N, C-alpha and C. Protein backbone atom coordinates (compact mmCIF):
# COMPACT_ATOMS: atom_id res chain seq x y z
N MET A 1 11.58 8.39 -16.89
CA MET A 1 10.90 8.56 -15.40
C MET A 1 9.90 7.23 -14.39
N SER A 2 10.46 7.05 -13.34
CA SER A 2 10.10 5.95 -12.48
C SER A 2 8.72 5.92 -12.27
N GLN A 3 8.57 4.66 -11.98
CA GLN A 3 7.20 4.22 -11.85
C GLN A 3 7.02 3.86 -10.23
N VAL A 4 5.88 3.25 -9.67
CA VAL A 4 5.37 2.58 -8.84
C VAL A 4 4.49 1.84 -9.31
N ILE A 5 4.82 0.38 -9.06
CA ILE A 5 4.11 -0.43 -8.94
C ILE A 5 3.10 -0.86 -8.27
N VAL A 6 2.11 -0.88 -7.95
CA VAL A 6 1.14 -1.68 -7.07
C VAL A 6 0.80 -3.11 -7.38
N LEU A 7 1.23 -3.93 -5.87
CA LEU A 7 1.10 -5.43 -6.19
C LEU A 7 0.07 -5.74 -4.79
N ASP A 8 -1.04 -6.05 -5.03
CA ASP A 8 -1.81 -6.12 -3.97
C ASP A 8 -2.69 -7.72 -3.56
N VAL A 9 -1.81 -8.26 -2.51
CA VAL A 9 -1.91 -9.88 -2.88
C VAL A 9 -2.65 -10.17 -1.28
N ARG A 10 -3.66 -9.53 -0.60
CA ARG A 10 -4.50 -9.34 0.39
C ARG A 10 -5.64 -10.80 0.32
N GLY A 11 -5.72 -11.56 0.53
CA GLY A 11 -6.11 -12.76 0.72
C GLY A 11 -6.01 -13.98 -0.01
N LEU A 12 -4.75 -13.47 -0.56
CA LEU A 12 -4.07 -14.97 -0.83
C LEU A 12 -3.53 -15.78 -0.14
N GLU A 13 -3.48 -17.00 -0.30
CA GLU A 13 -3.11 -18.11 0.27
C GLU A 13 -1.18 -17.97 -0.04
N ALA A 14 -0.84 -18.79 1.13
CA ALA A 14 0.69 -19.15 0.77
C ALA A 14 1.02 -20.19 -0.20
N PRO A 15 1.68 -20.41 -0.79
CA PRO A 15 2.72 -19.26 -0.86
C PRO A 15 2.54 -17.96 -2.30
N GLU A 16 1.65 -18.35 -2.77
CA GLU A 16 0.98 -17.25 -3.85
C GLU A 16 1.83 -15.62 -3.83
N PRO A 17 1.23 -15.26 -2.47
CA PRO A 17 2.04 -13.77 -2.18
C PRO A 17 3.64 -13.76 -2.55
N LEU A 18 4.01 -14.56 -2.46
CA LEU A 18 5.61 -14.61 -2.31
C LEU A 18 6.10 -14.85 -3.59
N GLU A 19 5.18 -15.67 -4.22
CA GLU A 19 5.31 -16.47 -5.78
C GLU A 19 5.47 -15.12 -6.87
N ARG A 20 3.90 -14.45 -6.64
CA ARG A 20 3.28 -12.98 -6.91
C ARG A 20 4.55 -12.44 -6.76
N VAL A 21 5.42 -11.76 -5.79
CA VAL A 21 6.06 -10.07 -5.63
C VAL A 21 7.47 -10.64 -6.20
N LEU A 22 7.79 -12.31 -6.31
CA LEU A 22 9.17 -12.68 -6.80
C LEU A 22 8.96 -12.11 -8.49
N ASP A 23 8.18 -12.54 -8.96
CA ASP A 23 7.79 -12.69 -10.60
C ASP A 23 7.84 -11.13 -11.05
N ALA A 24 7.02 -10.13 -10.05
CA ALA A 24 6.97 -8.66 -10.22
C ALA A 24 8.34 -8.23 -10.22
N LEU A 25 9.45 -8.31 -9.02
CA LEU A 25 10.77 -7.93 -8.54
C LEU A 25 11.45 -8.61 -9.98
N SER A 26 11.20 -9.50 -10.42
CA SER A 26 11.99 -9.91 -12.10
C SER A 26 11.90 -9.02 -13.28
N THR A 27 10.68 -8.15 -12.98
CA THR A 27 10.39 -7.19 -14.70
C THR A 27 10.83 -5.73 -13.62
N LEU A 28 11.16 -5.85 -12.56
CA LEU A 28 11.02 -4.46 -12.19
C LEU A 28 12.48 -3.51 -12.58
N ALA A 29 12.18 -2.43 -13.40
CA ALA A 29 13.41 -1.69 -14.12
C ALA A 29 13.99 -0.68 -13.09
N PRO A 30 15.64 -0.58 -13.36
CA PRO A 30 16.36 0.41 -12.28
C PRO A 30 15.33 1.27 -11.92
N GLY A 31 15.59 2.03 -11.43
CA GLY A 31 14.62 3.64 -10.62
C GLY A 31 12.96 3.09 -10.31
N ASP A 32 12.55 1.69 -10.73
CA ASP A 32 10.69 1.92 -10.41
C ASP A 32 11.12 1.17 -8.77
N SER A 33 9.56 1.18 -8.55
CA SER A 33 9.60 0.93 -7.03
C SER A 33 8.20 -0.24 -7.20
N LEU A 34 8.22 -1.64 -6.27
CA LEU A 34 7.06 -1.77 -5.91
C LEU A 34 6.65 -2.21 -4.77
N ARG A 35 5.21 -1.65 -4.87
CA ARG A 35 4.66 -1.25 -3.14
C ARG A 35 3.48 -2.54 -3.22
N MET A 36 4.01 -3.45 -2.18
CA MET A 36 3.11 -4.51 -2.24
C MET A 36 2.19 -4.07 -0.83
N LEU A 37 0.87 -4.83 -1.39
CA LEU A 37 -0.14 -5.16 0.06
C LEU A 37 -0.96 -6.31 0.31
N ILE A 38 -0.19 -6.82 1.58
CA ILE A 38 -0.41 -7.87 2.28
C ILE A 38 -0.92 -7.76 3.38
N ASP A 39 -1.58 -9.02 3.81
CA ASP A 39 -2.59 -8.88 5.15
C ASP A 39 -1.55 -9.62 6.47
N ARG A 40 -0.50 -9.90 6.06
CA ARG A 40 0.32 -10.64 7.09
C ARG A 40 1.34 -10.08 6.83
N GLU A 41 2.33 -9.74 7.78
CA GLU A 41 3.66 -9.43 7.77
C GLU A 41 4.85 -10.83 6.75
N PRO A 42 5.32 -10.51 5.68
CA PRO A 42 6.06 -11.62 5.30
C PRO A 42 7.54 -11.64 5.24
N ARG A 43 7.70 -12.44 6.35
CA ARG A 43 9.19 -12.29 6.88
C ARG A 43 9.95 -13.19 6.11
N PRO A 44 9.30 -14.07 5.46
CA PRO A 44 10.50 -15.01 4.50
C PRO A 44 11.01 -13.76 3.67
N LEU A 45 9.98 -13.11 3.44
CA LEU A 45 10.27 -12.07 2.07
C LEU A 45 11.40 -10.97 2.27
N TYR A 46 11.47 -10.67 3.43
CA TYR A 46 12.27 -10.22 4.04
C TYR A 46 14.17 -10.30 3.91
N ARG A 47 14.34 -11.46 4.04
CA ARG A 47 15.30 -12.46 4.07
C ARG A 47 15.88 -12.43 2.63
N ILE A 48 14.91 -12.77 1.60
CA ILE A 48 14.96 -13.05 0.67
C ILE A 48 15.47 -11.52 -0.25
N LEU A 49 14.96 -10.35 0.25
CA LEU A 49 15.15 -9.18 -0.42
C LEU A 49 16.51 -8.89 0.01
N GLU A 50 16.90 -9.30 1.39
CA GLU A 50 18.36 -8.75 1.51
C GLU A 50 19.40 -9.24 0.91
N ARG A 51 18.97 -10.44 0.86
CA ARG A 51 20.12 -11.39 -0.30
C ARG A 51 20.19 -10.86 -1.21
N ASN A 52 19.37 -10.51 -2.03
CA ASN A 52 19.54 -10.45 -3.64
C ASN A 52 19.43 -8.57 -3.77
N GLY A 53 19.67 -7.87 -2.46
CA GLY A 53 20.40 -6.38 -2.93
C GLY A 53 19.09 -5.68 -3.17
N TYR A 54 17.94 -5.94 -2.52
CA TYR A 54 16.60 -4.88 -2.57
C TYR A 54 16.79 -4.21 -1.43
N ARG A 55 16.37 -2.80 -1.55
CA ARG A 55 16.01 -1.89 -0.21
C ARG A 55 14.36 -2.24 -0.16
N PHE A 56 14.25 -2.16 1.03
CA PHE A 56 12.48 -2.28 1.00
C PHE A 56 12.46 -1.33 2.29
N GLN A 57 11.16 -0.90 2.69
CA GLN A 57 10.58 -0.52 3.97
C GLN A 57 9.10 -0.87 3.81
N ALA A 58 9.40 -1.36 5.16
CA ALA A 58 7.73 -2.28 5.31
C ALA A 58 6.81 -1.22 6.59
N GLU A 59 5.67 -1.17 6.56
CA GLU A 59 4.91 -0.19 7.15
C GLU A 59 3.15 -0.92 7.58
N ALA A 60 3.62 -1.12 9.07
CA ALA A 60 2.12 -2.01 9.73
C ALA A 60 0.97 -1.25 9.87
N HIS A 61 -0.26 -0.90 9.05
CA HIS A 61 -1.33 -0.31 8.90
C HIS A 61 -2.41 -1.21 9.97
N GLU A 62 -3.52 -0.43 10.36
CA GLU A 62 -4.51 -0.67 11.34
C GLU A 62 -5.17 -2.00 10.55
N GLY A 63 -5.73 -2.83 11.07
CA GLY A 63 -6.51 -3.80 10.74
C GLY A 63 -5.55 -5.25 10.07
N GLY A 64 -4.30 -5.41 10.13
CA GLY A 64 -3.69 -6.03 10.06
C GLY A 64 -2.62 -5.70 8.55
N LEU A 65 -2.75 -4.58 7.99
CA LEU A 65 -2.23 -4.66 6.42
C LEU A 65 -0.95 -4.12 6.63
N PHE A 66 -0.45 -4.78 6.08
CA PHE A 66 1.18 -4.55 5.39
C PHE A 66 1.20 -4.15 4.34
N GLU A 67 2.27 -2.91 4.31
CA GLU A 67 2.84 -2.07 3.02
C GLU A 67 4.29 -1.93 2.91
N ILE A 68 4.72 -2.66 1.87
CA ILE A 68 5.86 -3.30 1.68
C ILE A 68 6.50 -2.00 0.00
N LEU A 69 7.25 -1.34 0.54
CA LEU A 69 7.81 -0.52 -0.91
C LEU A 69 9.05 -1.21 -0.82
N ILE A 70 9.62 -1.47 -2.09
CA ILE A 70 10.65 -2.49 -2.30
C ILE A 70 11.23 -1.44 -3.46
N ARG A 71 12.69 -1.42 -3.53
CA ARG A 71 13.53 -0.79 -4.63
C ARG A 71 15.01 -1.90 -4.78
N HIS A 72 15.62 -1.44 -5.82
CA HIS A 72 16.72 -1.82 -6.09
C HIS A 72 17.50 -1.20 -5.27
N GLY A 73 18.64 -2.11 -4.57
CA GLY A 73 19.67 -1.61 -4.13
C GLY A 73 20.47 -0.98 -5.03
N ALA A 74 21.18 0.26 -3.90
CA ALA A 74 22.00 1.58 -4.98
C ALA A 74 23.34 1.20 -5.28
């Protein structure tokens, strides 16, 4: 059964949000996904995810919240 891990890194100073999401991804089981909540768009993360074969979907919300859903690539 797959699960969604929620990682809320709002309010943390760089590079801590990036470090935390990379740590969480290293433990992500196939079929699971990671939902990251952050208060700015993590553009450097997108390049890292693409380079390492992850699929992701980013959604901007009011108030500057970004929600990024990350999964292993197919």
